[in-house]
PDB file of N, CA and C in Angstrom:
ATOM      1  N   MET A   1       1.727 -19.827 -12.546  1.00  0.00           N
ATOM      2  CA  MET A   1       0.988 -18.570 -12.509  1.00  0.00           C
ATOM      3  C   MET A   1      -0.511 -18.793 -12.611  1.00  0.00           C
ATOM      4  N   GLY A   2      -0.914 -19.923 -13.189  1.00  0.00           N
ATOM      5  CA  GLY A   2      -2.333 -20.161 -13.405  1.00  0.00           C
ATOM      6  C   GLY A   2      -3.022 -20.812 -12.221  1.00  0.00           C
ATOM      7  N   ASP A   3      -2.506 -20.601 -11.015  1.00  0.00           N
ATOM      8  CA  ASP A   3      -3.083 -21.213  -9.822  1.00  0.00           C
ATOM      9  C   ASP A   3      -4.317 -20.434  -9.388  1.00  0.00           C
ATOM     10  N   LYS A   4      -5.474 -21.089  -9.437  1.00  0.00           N
ATOM     11  CA  LYS A   4      -6.723 -20.412  -9.097  1.00  0.00           C
ATOM     12  C   LYS A   4      -7.345 -20.965  -7.814  1.00  0.00           C
ATOM     13  N   SER A   5      -6.518 -21.556  -6.961  1.00  0.00           N
ATOM     14  CA  SER A   5      -7.045 -22.095  -5.712  1.00  0.00           C
ATOM     15  C   SER A   5      -7.460 -20.939  -4.802  1.00  0.00           C
ATOM     16  N   PRO A   6      -8.385 -21.183  -3.884  1.00  0.00           N
ATOM     17  CA  PRO A   6      -8.826 -20.113  -2.974  1.00  0.00           C
ATOM     18  C   PRO A   6      -7.680 -19.469  -2.205  1.00  0.00           C
ATOM     19  N   LYS A   7      -6.706 -20.270  -1.806  1.00  0.00           N
ATOM     20  CA  LYS A   7      -5.559 -19.725  -1.073  1.00  0.00           C
ATOM     21  C   LYS A   7      -4.778 -18.748  -1.947  1.00  0.00           C
ATOM     22  N   ALA A   8      -4.577 -19.098  -3.204  1.00  0.00           N
ATOM     23  CA  ALA A   8      -3.820 -18.242  -4.115  1.00  0.00           C
ATOM     24  C   ALA A   8      -4.566 -16.930  -4.338  1.00  0.00           C
ATOM     25  N   LYS A   9      -5.880 -17.013  -4.506  1.00  0.00           N
ATOM     26  CA  LYS A   9      -6.682 -15.806  -4.699  1.00  0.00           C
ATOM     27  C   LYS A   9      -6.607 -14.914  -3.466  1.00  0.00           C
ATOM     28  N   ASP A  10      -6.704 -15.529  -2.290  1.00  0.00           N
ATOM     29  CA  ASP A  10      -6.663 -14.768  -1.041  1.00  0.00           C
ATOM     30  C   ASP A  10      -5.314 -14.070  -0.884  1.00  0.00           C
ATOM     31  N   LYS A  11      -4.249 -14.772  -1.211  1.00  0.00           N
ATOM     32  CA  LYS A  11      -2.911 -14.200  -1.098  1.00  0.00           C
ATOM     33  C   LYS A  11      -2.751 -13.020  -2.054  1.00  0.00           C
ATOM     34  N   ALA A  12      -3.222 -13.169  -3.268  1.00  0.00           N
ATOM     35  CA  ALA A  12      -3.124 -12.097  -4.259  1.00  0.00           C
ATOM     36  C   ALA A  12      -3.918 -10.879  -3.802  1.00  0.00           C
ATOM     37  N   LYS A  13      -5.089 -11.140  -3.229  1.00  0.00           N
ATOM     38  CA  LYS A  13      -5.935 -10.047  -2.744  1.00  0.00           C
ATOM     39  C   LYS A  13      -5.239  -9.291  -1.609  1.00  0.00           C
ATOM     40  N   LYS A  14      -4.627 -10.034  -0.698  1.00  0.00           N
ATOM     41  CA  LYS A  14      -3.926  -9.407   0.419  1.00  0.00           C
ATOM     42  C   LYS A  14      -2.750  -8.574  -0.077  1.00  0.00           C
ATOM     43  N   GLN A  15      -2.019  -9.085  -1.058  1.00  0.00           N
ATOM     44  CA  GLN A  15      -0.884  -8.346  -1.614  1.00  0.00           C
ATOM     45  C   GLN A  15      -1.363  -7.058  -2.265  1.00  0.00           C
ATOM     46  N   ASP A  16      -2.474  -7.138  -2.994  1.00  0.00           N
ATOM     47  CA  ASP A  16      -3.025  -5.974  -3.676  1.00  0.00           C
ATOM     48  C   ASP A  16      -3.417  -4.912  -2.658  1.00  0.00           C
ATOM     49  N   THR A  17      -4.071  -5.347  -1.588  1.00  0.00           N
ATOM     50  CA  THR A  17      -4.475  -4.413  -0.531  1.00  0.00           C
ATOM     51  C   THR A  17      -3.249  -3.771   0.090  1.00  0.00           C
ATOM     52  N   LYS A  18      -2.220  -4.564   0.307  1.00  0.00           N
ATOM     53  CA  LYS A  18      -0.990  -4.046   0.923  1.00  0.00           C
ATOM     54  C   LYS A  18      -0.362  -2.977   0.031  1.00  0.00           C
ATOM     55  N   GLN A  19      -0.367  -3.222  -1.277  1.00  0.00           N
ATOM     56  CA  GLN A  19       0.213  -2.253  -2.206  1.00  0.00           C
ATOM     57  C   GLN A  19      -0.587  -0.958  -2.208  1.00  0.00           C
ATOM     58  N   LYS A  20      -1.918  -1.060  -2.163  1.00  0.00           N
ATOM     59  CA  LYS A  20      -2.755   0.134  -2.128  1.00  0.00           C
ATOM     60  C   LYS A  20      -2.504   0.927  -0.858  1.00  0.00           C
ATOM     61  N   ASP A  21      -2.399   0.227   0.270  1.00  0.00           N
ATOM     62  CA  ASP A  21      -2.119   0.887   1.542  1.00  0.00           C
ATOM     63  C   ASP A  21      -0.771   1.594   1.484  1.00  0.00           C
ATOM     64  N   GLN A  22       0.206   0.956   0.871  1.00  0.00           N
ATOM     65  CA  GLN A  22       1.538   1.538   0.771  1.00  0.00           C
ATOM     66  C   GLN A  22       1.504   2.812  -0.068  1.00  0.00           C
ATOM     67  N   LYS A  23       0.726   2.782  -1.162  1.00  0.00           N
ATOM     68  CA  LYS A  23       0.618   3.971  -2.015  1.00  0.00           C
ATOM     69  C   LYS A  23      -0.034   5.115  -1.256  1.00  0.00           C
ATOM     70  N   LYS A  24      -1.069   4.798  -0.477  1.00  0.00           N
ATOM     71  CA  LYS A  24      -1.736   5.831   0.328  1.00  0.00           C
ATOM     72  C   LYS A  24      -0.757   6.425   1.327  1.00  0.00           C
ATOM     73  N   THR A  25       0.009   5.565   1.983  1.00  0.00           N
ATOM     74  CA  THR A  25       0.980   6.022   2.971  1.00  0.00           C
ATOM     75  C   THR A  25       2.037   6.896   2.312  1.00  0.00           C
ATOM     76  N   ASP A  26       2.524   6.477   1.157  1.00  0.00           N
ATOM     77  CA  ASP A  26       3.536   7.254   0.440  1.00  0.00           C
ATOM     78  C   ASP A  26       2.990   8.625   0.064  1.00  0.00           C
ATOM     79  N   ALA A  27       1.770   8.666  -0.424  1.00  0.00           N
ATOM     80  CA  ALA A  27       1.162   9.935  -0.826  1.00  0.00           C
ATOM     81  C   ALA A  27       1.009  10.856   0.378  1.00  0.00           C
ATOM     82  N   ARG A  28       0.579  10.296   1.506  1.00  0.00           N
ATOM     83  CA  ARG A  28       0.403  11.088   2.715  1.00  0.00           C
ATOM     84  C   ARG A  28       1.760  11.615   3.208  1.00  0.00           C
ATOM     85  N   ASP A  29       2.774  10.756   3.170  1.00  0.00           N
ATOM     86  CA  ASP A  29       4.109  11.171   3.599  1.00  0.00           C
ATOM     87  C   ASP A  29       4.645  12.279   2.698  1.00  0.00           C
ATOM     88  N   LYS A  30       4.388  12.161   1.400  1.00  0.00           N
ATOM     89  CA  LYS A  30       4.858  13.167   0.460  1.00  0.00           C
ATOM     90  C   LYS A  30       4.169  14.496   0.753  1.00  0.00           C
ATOM     91  N   ALA A  31       2.866  14.454   1.024  1.00  0.00           N
ATOM     92  CA  ALA A  31       2.110  15.664   1.344  1.00  0.00           C
ATOM     93  C   ALA A  31       2.634  16.272   2.637  1.00  0.00           C
ATOM     94  N   ASN A  32       2.929  15.430   3.612  1.00  0.00           N
ATOM     95  CA  ASN A  32       3.455  15.924   4.883  1.00  0.00           C
ATOM     96  C   ASN A  32       4.850  16.517   4.705  1.00  0.00           C
ATOM     97  N   ALA A  33       5.619  15.936   3.802  1.00  0.00           N
ATOM     98  CA  ALA A  33       6.988  16.412   3.586  1.00  0.00           C
ATOM     99  C   ALA A  33       6.972  17.803   2.951  1.00  0.00           C
ATOM    100  N   THR A  34       5.981  18.074   2.106  1.00  0.00           N
ATOM    101  CA  THR A  34       5.919  19.373   1.444  1.00  0.00           C
ATOM    102  C   THR A  34       5.262  20.426   2.325  1.00  0.00           C
ATOM    103  N   ALA A  35       4.588  19.996   3.380  1.00  0.00           N
ATOM    104  CA  ALA A  35       3.969  20.949   4.312  1.00  0.00           C
ATOM    105  C   ALA A  35       5.063  21.670   5.097  1.00  0.00           C
ATOM    106  N   PRO A  36       4.833  22.933   5.406  1.00  0.00           N
ATOM    107  CA  PRO A  36       5.872  23.718   6.072  1.00  0.00           C
ATOM    108  C   PRO A  36       5.976  23.463   7.570  1.00  0.00           C
ATOM    109  N   LYS A  37       5.746  22.244   7.978  1.00  0.00           N
ATOM    110  CA  LYS A  37       5.883  21.901   9.399  1.00  0.00           C
ATOM    111  C   LYS A  37       7.264  21.321   9.643  1.00  0.00           C
ATOM    112  N   LYS A  38       7.820  21.608  10.798  1.00  0.00           N
ATOM    113  CA  LYS A  38       9.129  21.049  11.139  1.00  0.00           C
ATOM    114  C   LYS A  38       8.932  19.957  12.184  1.00  0.00           C
ATOM    115  N   LYS A  39       9.587  18.831  11.961  1.00  0.00           N
ATOM    116  CA  LYS A  39       9.553  17.766  12.955  1.00  0.00           C
ATOM    117  C   LYS A  39      10.648  18.020  13.965  1.00  0.00           C
ATOM    118  N   THR A  40      10.315  17.890  15.220  1.00  0.00           N
ATOM    119  CA  THR A  40      11.331  18.133  16.242  1.00  0.00           C
ATOM    120  C   THR A  40      11.722  16.829  16.913  1.00  0.00           C
TER     121      THR A  40
END
């Protein structure tokens, strides 16, 4: 766990960004789901 190599930092940063993007997408989907629009 104590790996501080540049590659490890870059990977952790990418994972963090991916998680943030996923949360944004989930929030947007939830908002869209509660909107009174029907998908056809």
